[in-house]
Amino acid sequence: MPRAKIYTTNAIEPVNSIFRKVTKKGSFPSEDAVLKALYLRITELYKKWNGRPVSNWALVRNQLSMNDKFQKRILKYKNF
């Protein structure tokens, strides 16, 4: 059965690549085992990436602030 192709953004692709590496490393006895391995990798990534500045945050913030729904939410992050 061919794999379905998922189209992603550049920001998500590194995470997908890391997930592929985790799942290629061996066989898993159950679906829960795979989910646990992915969860552990996510916690490692969170520790690694926590506190890093978001790339192009000013551009993203400005684009989101043009939307009325997001404007109030974005204002609380004005200093970042």
PDB file of N, CA and C in Angstrom:
ATOM      1  N   MET A   1       0.847  -1.176   0.000  1.00  0.00           N
ATOM      2  CA  MET A   1       0.000   0.000   0.000  1.00  0.00           C
ATOM      3  C   MET A   1       0.891   1.238   0.000  1.00  0.00           C
ATOM      4  N   PRO A   2       0.716   2.143  -0.959  1.00  0.00           N
ATOM      5  CA  PRO A   2       1.560   3.336  -1.007  1.00  0.00           C
ATOM      6  C   PRO A   2       1.234   4.287   0.138  1.00  0.00           C
ATOM      7  N   ARG A   3       2.246   4.982   0.579  1.00  0.00           N
ATOM      8  CA  ARG A   3       2.058   5.947   1.663  1.00  0.00           C
ATOM      9  C   ARG A   3       1.381   7.201   1.124  1.00  0.00           C
ATOM     10  N   ALA A   4       0.507   7.748   1.919  1.00  0.00           N
ATOM     11  CA  ALA A   4      -0.149   8.997   1.543  1.00  0.00           C
ATOM     12  C   ALA A   4       0.831  10.128   1.758  1.00  0.00           C
ATOM     13  N   LYS A   5       0.866  11.051   0.859  1.00  0.00           N
ATOM     14  CA  LYS A   5       1.766  12.190   0.977  1.00  0.00           C
ATOM     15  C   LYS A   5       1.046  13.314   1.709  1.00  0.00           C
ATOM     16  N   ILE A   6       1.689  13.829   2.717  1.00  0.00           N
ATOM     17  CA  ILE A   6       1.131  14.928   3.483  1.00  0.00           C
ATOM     18  C   ILE A   6       1.940  16.169   3.149  1.00  0.00           C
ATOM     19  N   TYR A   7       1.282  17.196   2.683  1.00  0.00           N
ATOM     20  CA  TYR A   7       1.968  18.430   2.349  1.00  0.00           C
ATOM     21  C   TYR A   7       2.004  19.319   3.581  1.00  0.00           C
ATOM     22  N   THR A   8       3.191  19.812   3.887  1.00  0.00           N
ATOM     23  CA  THR A   8       3.377  20.581   5.104  1.00  0.00           C
ATOM     24  C   THR A   8       4.122  21.874   4.807  1.00  0.00           C
ATOM     25  N   THR A   9       4.219  22.684   5.826  1.00  0.00           N
ATOM     26  CA  THR A   9       5.007  23.899   5.722  1.00  0.00           C
ATOM     27  C   THR A   9       6.442  23.598   6.142  1.00  0.00           C
ATOM     28  N   ASN A  10       7.333  24.501   5.855  1.00  0.00           N
ATOM     29  CA  ASN A  10       8.732  24.306   6.224  1.00  0.00           C
ATOM     30  C   ASN A  10       8.914  24.225   7.735  1.00  0.00           C
ATOM     31  N   ALA A  11       8.071  24.865   8.492  1.00  0.00           N
ATOM     32  CA  ALA A  11       8.197  24.836   9.948  1.00  0.00           C
ATOM     33  C   ALA A  11       7.859  23.466  10.521  1.00  0.00           C
ATOM     34  N   ILE A  12       6.984  22.737   9.879  1.00  0.00           N
ATOM     35  CA  ILE A  12       6.548  21.436  10.380  1.00  0.00           C
ATOM     36  C   ILE A  12       7.445  20.307   9.875  1.00  0.00           C
ATOM     37  N   GLU A  13       8.080  20.491   8.758  1.00  0.00           N
ATOM     38  CA  GLU A  13       8.857  19.417   8.136  1.00  0.00           C
ATOM     39  C   GLU A  13       9.973  18.865   9.028  1.00  0.00           C
ATOM     40  N   PRO A  14      10.722  19.684   9.773  1.00  0.00           N
ATOM     41  CA  PRO A  14      11.738  19.094  10.666  1.00  0.00           C
ATOM     42  C   PRO A  14      11.137  18.158  11.719  1.00  0.00           C
ATOM     43  N   VAL A  15       9.976  18.492  12.229  1.00  0.00           N
ATOM     44  CA  VAL A  15       9.327  17.629  13.219  1.00  0.00           C
ATOM     45  C   VAL A  15       8.911  16.316  12.566  1.00  0.00           C
ATOM     46  N   ASN A  16       8.355  16.380  11.364  1.00  0.00           N
ATOM     47  CA  ASN A  16       7.979  15.158  10.647  1.00  0.00           C
ATOM     48  C   ASN A  16       9.208  14.291  10.382  1.00  0.00           C
ATOM     49  N   SER A  17      10.319  14.917  10.032  1.00  0.00           N
ATOM     50  CA  SER A  17      11.557  14.186   9.782  1.00  0.00           C
ATOM     51  C   SER A  17      12.018  13.460  11.043  1.00  0.00           C
ATOM     52  N   ILE A  18      11.935  14.131  12.174  1.00  0.00           N
ATOM     53  CA  ILE A  18      12.324  13.524  13.449  1.00  0.00           C
ATOM     54  C   ILE A  18      11.400  12.355  13.779  1.00  0.00           C
ATOM     55  N   PHE A  19      10.108  12.500  13.538  1.00  0.00           N
ATOM     56  CA  PHE A  19       9.165  11.403  13.782  1.00  0.00           C
ATOM     57  C   PHE A  19       9.483  10.195  12.897  1.00  0.00           C
ATOM     58  N   ARG A  20       9.838  10.456  11.637  1.00  0.00           N
ATOM     59  CA  ARG A  20      10.192   9.344  10.739  1.00  0.00           C
ATOM     60  C   ARG A  20      11.420   8.603  11.262  1.00  0.00           C
ATOM     61  N   LYS A  21      12.403   9.342  11.778  1.00  0.00           N
ATOM     62  CA  LYS A  21      13.601   8.706  12.329  1.00  0.00           C
ATOM     63  C   LYS A  21      13.251   7.827  13.524  1.00  0.00           C
ATOM     64  N   VAL A  22      12.354   8.302  14.368  1.00  0.00           N
ATOM     65  CA  VAL A  22      11.962   7.529  15.548  1.00  0.00           C
ATOM     66  C   VAL A  22      11.279   6.231  15.135  1.00  0.00           C
ATOM     67  N   THR A  23      10.378   6.306  14.186  1.00  0.00           N
ATOM     68  CA  THR A  23       9.607   5.119  13.814  1.00  0.00           C
ATOM     69  C   THR A  23      10.398   4.145  12.939  1.00  0.00           C
ATOM     70  N   LYS A  24      11.471   4.596  12.298  1.00  0.00           N
ATOM     71  CA  LYS A  24      12.287   3.701  11.472  1.00  0.00           C
ATOM     72  C   LYS A  24      13.270   2.881  12.292  1.00  0.00           C
ATOM     73  N   LYS A  25      13.483   3.242  13.536  1.00  0.00           N
ATOM     74  CA  LYS A  25      14.528   2.604  14.333  1.00  0.00           C
ATOM     75  C   LYS A  25      14.209   1.179  14.763  1.00  0.00           C
ATOM     76  N   GLY A  26      13.032   0.721  14.565  1.00  0.00           N
ATOM     77  CA  GLY A  26      12.741  -0.654  14.956  1.00  0.00           C
ATOM     78  C   GLY A  26      11.272  -0.966  14.894  1.00  0.00           C
ATOM     79  N   SER A  27      10.973  -2.195  15.281  1.00  0.00           N
ATOM     80  CA  SER A  27       9.568  -2.578  15.314  1.00  0.00           C
ATOM     81  C   SER A  27       9.031  -2.321  16.720  1.00  0.00           C
ATOM     82  N   PHE A  28       7.757  -2.062  16.777  1.00  0.00           N
ATOM     83  CA  PHE A  28       7.101  -1.748  18.037  1.00  0.00           C
ATOM     84  C   PHE A  28       6.044  -2.814  18.308  1.00  0.00           C
ATOM     85  N   PRO A  29       5.942  -3.263  19.551  1.00  0.00           N
ATOM     86  CA  PRO A  29       4.986  -4.333  19.864  1.00  0.00           C
ATOM     87  C   PRO A  29       3.527  -3.894  19.800  1.00  0.00           C
ATOM     88  N   SER A  30       3.292  -2.585  19.929  1.00  0.00           N
ATOM     89  CA  SER A  30       1.907  -2.106  19.894  1.00  0.00           C
ATOM     90  C   SER A  30       1.876  -0.640  19.467  1.00  0.00           C
ATOM     91  N   GLU A  31       0.671  -0.184  19.193  1.00  0.00           N
ATOM     92  CA  GLU A  31       0.490   1.222  18.836  1.00  0.00           C
ATOM     93  C   GLU A  31       0.861   2.120  20.016  1.00  0.00           C
ATOM     94  N   ASP A  32       0.558   1.673  21.217  1.00  0.00           N
ATOM     95  CA  ASP A  32       0.920   2.450  22.408  1.00  0.00           C
ATOM     96  C   ASP A  32       2.426   2.645  22.513  1.00  0.00           C
ATOM     97  N   ALA A  33       3.189   1.652  22.127  1.00  0.00           N
ATOM     98  CA  ALA A  33       4.651   1.760  22.179  1.00  0.00           C
ATOM     99  C   ALA A  33       5.148   2.841  21.227  1.00  0.00           C
ATOM    100  N   VAL A  34       4.554   2.920  20.043  1.00  0.00           N
ATOM    101  CA  VAL A  34       4.925   3.964  19.078  1.00  0.00           C
ATOM    102  C   VAL A  34       4.569   5.335  19.641  1.00  0.00           C
ATOM    103  N   LEU A  35       3.367   5.447  20.189  1.00  0.00           N
ATOM    104  CA  LEU A  35       2.939   6.730  20.740  1.00  0.00           C
ATOM    105  C   LEU A  35       3.834   7.175  21.899  1.00  0.00           C
ATOM    106  N   LYS A  36       4.263   6.240  22.714  1.00  0.00           N
ATOM    107  CA  LYS A  36       5.162   6.572  23.827  1.00  0.00           C
ATOM    108  C   LYS A  36       6.510   7.051  23.305  1.00  0.00           C
ATOM    109  N   ALA A  37       7.034   6.380  22.279  1.00  0.00           N
ATOM    110  CA  ALA A  37       8.314   6.789  21.698  1.00  0.00           C
ATOM    111  C   ALA A  37       8.214   8.188  21.100  1.00  0.00           C
ATOM    112  N   LEU A  38       7.116   8.460  20.408  1.00  0.00           N
ATOM    113  CA  LEU A  38       6.927   9.797  19.827  1.00  0.00           C
ATOM    114  C   LEU A  38       6.750  10.841  20.927  1.00  0.00           C
ATOM    115  N   TYR A  39       6.018  10.496  21.963  1.00  0.00           N
ATOM    116  CA  TYR A  39       5.828  11.421  23.087  1.00  0.00           C
ATOM    117  C   TYR A  39       7.168  11.767  23.737  1.00  0.00           C
ATOM    118  N   LEU A  40       7.996  10.775  23.957  1.00  0.00           N
ATOM    119  CA  LEU A  40       9.307  11.024  24.565  1.00  0.00           C
ATOM    120  C   LEU A  40      10.165  11.926  23.688  1.00  0.00           C
ATOM    121  N   ARG A  41      10.093  11.705  22.386  1.00  0.00           N
ATOM    122  CA  ARG A  41      10.863  12.560  21.465  1.00  0.00           C
ATOM    123  C   ARG A  41      10.323  13.980  21.475  1.00  0.00           C
ATOM    124  N   ILE A  42       9.012  14.140  21.559  1.00  0.00           N
ATOM    125  CA  ILE A  42       8.416  15.482  21.617  1.00  0.00           C
ATOM    126  C   ILE A  42       8.884  16.211  22.867  1.00  0.00           C
ATOM    127  N   THR A  43       8.935  15.510  24.004  1.00  0.00           N
ATOM    128  CA  THR A  43       9.389  16.175  25.233  1.00  0.00           C
ATOM    129  C   THR A  43      10.852  16.589  25.119  1.00  0.00           C
ATOM    130  N   GLU A  44      11.679  15.776  24.448  1.00  0.00           N
ATOM    131  CA  GLU A  44      13.072  16.154  24.220  1.00  0.00           C
ATOM    132  C   GLU A  44      13.162  17.393  23.335  1.00  0.00           C
ATOM    133  N   LEU A  45      12.352  17.423  22.275  1.00  0.00           N
ATOM    134  CA  LEU A  45      12.356  18.580  21.373  1.00  0.00           C
ATOM    135  C   LEU A  45      11.884  19.838  22.092  1.00  0.00           C
ATOM    136  N   TYR A  46      10.877  19.690  22.930  1.00  0.00           N
ATOM    137  CA  TYR A  46      10.367  20.847  23.674  1.00  0.00           C
ATOM    138  C   TYR A  46      11.465  21.446  24.541  1.00  0.00           C
ATOM    139  N   LYS A  47      12.215  20.590  25.236  1.00  0.00           N
ATOM    140  CA  LYS A  47      13.308  21.084  26.073  1.00  0.00           C
ATOM    141  C   LYS A  47      14.369  21.775  25.226  1.00  0.00           C
ATOM    142  N   LYS A  48      14.639  21.214  24.061  1.00  0.00           N
ATOM    143  CA  LYS A  48      15.663  21.772  23.174  1.00  0.00           C
ATOM    144  C   LYS A  48      15.234  23.111  22.584  1.00  0.00           C
ATOM    145  N   TRP A  49      13.968  23.210  22.177  1.00  0.00           N
ATOM    146  CA  TRP A  49      13.498  24.395  21.466  1.00  0.00           C
ATOM    147  C   TRP A  49      12.867  25.437  22.365  1.00  0.00           C
ATOM    148  N   ASN A  50      12.597  25.111  23.612  1.00  0.00           N
ATOM    149  CA  ASN A  50      11.935  26.052  24.513  1.00  0.00           C
ATOM    150  C   ASN A  50      12.804  27.295  24.711  1.00  0.00           C
ATOM    151  N   GLY A  51      12.188  28.450  24.595  1.00  0.00           N
ATOM    152  CA  GLY A  51      12.906  29.699  24.799  1.00  0.00           C
ATOM    153  C   GLY A  51      13.550  30.268  23.547  1.00  0.00           C
ATOM    154  N   ARG A  52      13.553  29.523  22.461  1.00  0.00           N
ATOM    155  CA  ARG A  52      14.104  30.050  21.214  1.00  0.00           C
ATOM    156  C   ARG A  52      13.145  31.064  20.614  1.00  0.00           C
ATOM    157  N   PRO A  53      13.689  32.090  20.004  1.00  0.00           N
ATOM    158  CA  PRO A  53      12.802  33.050  19.345  1.00  0.00           C
ATOM    159  C   PRO A  53      12.137  32.437  18.113  1.00  0.00           C
ATOM    160  N   VAL A  54      10.942  32.864  17.842  1.00  0.00           N
ATOM    161  CA  VAL A  54      10.208  32.393  16.672  1.00  0.00           C
ATOM    162  C   VAL A  54      10.724  33.142  15.450  1.00  0.00           C
ATOM    163  N   SER A  55      11.074  32.395  14.404  1.00  0.00           N
ATOM    164  CA  SER A  55      11.568  33.028  13.179  1.00  0.00           C
ATOM    165  C   SER A  55      10.496  33.926  12.574  1.00  0.00           C
ATOM    166  N   ASN A  56      10.906  35.097  12.146  1.00  0.00           N
ATOM    167  CA  ASN A  56      10.016  36.062  11.495  1.00  0.00           C
ATOM    168  C   ASN A  56       8.804  36.401  12.348  1.00  0.00           C
ATOM    169  N   TRP A  57       8.964  36.432  13.665  1.00  0.00           N
ATOM    170  CA  TRP A  57       7.843  36.687  14.554  1.00  0.00           C
ATOM    171  C   TRP A  57       7.185  38.029  14.274  1.00  0.00           C
ATOM    172  N   ALA A  58       7.969  39.059  13.963  1.00  0.00           N
ATOM    173  CA  ALA A  58       7.390  40.385  13.700  1.00  0.00           C
ATOM    174  C   ALA A  58       6.427  40.316  12.515  1.00  0.00           C
ATOM    175  N   LEU A  59       6.822  39.630  11.469  1.00  0.00           N
ATOM    176  CA  LEU A  59       5.959  39.493  10.293  1.00  0.00           C
ATOM    177  C   LEU A  59       4.693  38.716  10.635  1.00  0.00           C
ATOM    178  N   VAL A  60       4.853  37.607  11.344  1.00  0.00           N
ATOM    179  CA  VAL A  60       3.704  36.786  11.737  1.00  0.00           C
ATOM    180  C   VAL A  60       2.770  37.584  12.635  1.00  0.00           C
ATOM    181  N   ARG A  61       3.335  38.262  13.624  1.00  0.00           N
ATOM    182  CA  ARG A  61       2.533  39.062  14.556  1.00  0.00           C
ATOM    183  C   ARG A  61       1.743  40.136  13.819  1.00  0.00           C
ATOM    184  N   ASN A  62       2.376  40.821  12.898  1.00  0.00           N
ATOM    185  CA  ASN A  62       1.688  41.875  12.153  1.00  0.00           C
ATOM    186  C   ASN A  62       0.552  41.319  11.297  1.00  0.00           C
ATOM    187  N   GLN A  63       0.792  40.167  10.679  1.00  0.00           N
ATOM    188  CA  GLN A  63      -0.260  39.569   9.856  1.00  0.00           C
ATOM    189  C   GLN A  63      -1.437  39.103  10.710  1.00  0.00           C
ATOM    190  N   LEU A  64      -1.145  38.518  11.860  1.00  0.00           N
ATOM    191  CA  LEU A  64      -2.222  38.060  12.737  1.00  0.00           C
ATOM    192  C   LEU A  64      -2.980  39.234  13.351  1.00  0.00           C
ATOM    193  N   SER A  65      -2.291  40.316  13.632  1.00  0.00           N
ATOM    194  CA  SER A  65      -2.947  41.449  14.281  1.00  0.00           C
ATOM    195  C   SER A  65      -3.926  42.168  13.347  1.00  0.00           C
ATOM    196  N   MET A  66      -3.846  41.893  12.059  1.00  0.00           N
ATOM    197  CA  MET A  66      -4.805  42.493  11.125  1.00  0.00           C
ATOM    198  C   MET A  66      -6.169  41.827  11.225  1.00  0.00           C
ATOM    199  N   ASN A  67      -6.211  40.634  11.779  1.00  0.00           N
ATOM    200  CA  ASN A  67      -7.460  39.904  11.956  1.00  0.00           C
ATOM    201  C   ASN A  67      -8.064  40.285  13.306  1.00  0.00           C
ATOM    202  N   ASP A  68      -9.310  40.726  13.305  1.00  0.00           N
ATOM    203  CA  ASP A  68      -9.959  41.164  14.538  1.00  0.00           C
ATOM    204  C   ASP A  68      -9.988  40.087  15.620  1.00  0.00           C
ATOM    205  N   LYS A  69     -10.147  38.836  15.217  1.00  0.00           N
ATOM    206  CA  LYS A  69     -10.221  37.740  16.185  1.00  0.00           C
ATOM    207  C   LYS A  69      -8.902  37.568  16.942  1.00  0.00           C
ATOM    208  N   PHE A  70      -7.798  37.785  16.248  1.00  0.00           N
ATOM    209  CA  PHE A  70      -6.491  37.556  16.851  1.00  0.00           C
ATOM    210  C   PHE A  70      -5.873  38.811  17.464  1.00  0.00           C
ATOM    211  N   GLN A  71      -6.392  39.967  17.117  1.00  0.00           N
ATOM    212  CA  GLN A  71      -5.761  41.214  17.529  1.00  0.00           C
ATOM    213  C   GLN A  71      -5.596  41.328  19.048  1.00  0.00           C
ATOM    214  N   LYS A  72      -6.636  41.032  19.815  1.00  0.00           N
ATOM    215  CA  LYS A  72      -6.548  41.118  21.273  1.00  0.00           C
ATOM    216  C   LYS A  72      -5.558  40.108  21.829  1.00  0.00           C
ATOM    217  N   ARG A  73      -5.546  38.918  21.249  1.00  0.00           N
ATOM    218  CA  ARG A  73      -4.626  37.878  21.724  1.00  0.00           C
ATOM    219  C   ARG A  73      -3.178  38.261  21.437  1.00  0.00           C
ATOM    220  N   ILE A  74      -2.943  38.844  20.288  1.00  0.00           N
ATOM    221  CA  ILE A  74      -1.586  39.192  19.884  1.00  0.00           C
ATOM    222  C   ILE A  74      -1.046  40.356  20.713  1.00  0.00           C
ATOM    223  N   LEU A  75      -1.899  41.272  21.113  1.00  0.00           N
ATOM    224  CA  LEU A  75      -1.442  42.445  21.872  1.00  0.00           C
ATOM    225  C   LEU A  75      -0.736  42.074  23.172  1.00  0.00           C
ATOM    226  N   LYS A  76      -1.108  40.975  23.792  1.00  0.00           N
ATOM    227  CA  LYS A  76      -0.460  40.598  25.044  1.00  0.00           C
ATOM    228  C   LYS A  76       0.962  40.111  24.824  1.00  0.00           C
ATOM    229  N   TYR A  77       1.337  39.817  23.577  1.00  0.00           N
ATOM    230  CA  TYR A  77       2.701  39.405  23.239  1.00  0.00           C
ATOM    231  C   TYR A  77       3.474  40.545  22.555  1.00  0.00           C
ATOM    232  N   LYS A  78       3.023  41.747  22.751  1.00  0.00           N
ATOM    233  CA  LYS A  78       3.594  42.908  22.079  1.00  0.00           C
ATOM    234  C   LYS A  78       5.098  43.063  22.333  1.00  0.00           C
ATOM    235  N   ASN A  79       5.544  42.733  23.513  1.00  0.00           N
ATOM    236  CA  ASN A  79       6.956  42.933  23.857  1.00  0.00           C
ATOM    237  C   ASN A  79       7.884  41.829  23.376  1.00  0.00           C
ATOM    238  N   PHE A  80       7.345  40.765  22.784  1.00  0.00           N
ATOM    239  CA  PHE A  80       8.186  39.663  22.343  1.00  0.00           C
ATOM    240  C   PHE A  80       8.689  39.849  20.943  1.00  0.00           C
TER     241      PHE A  80
END
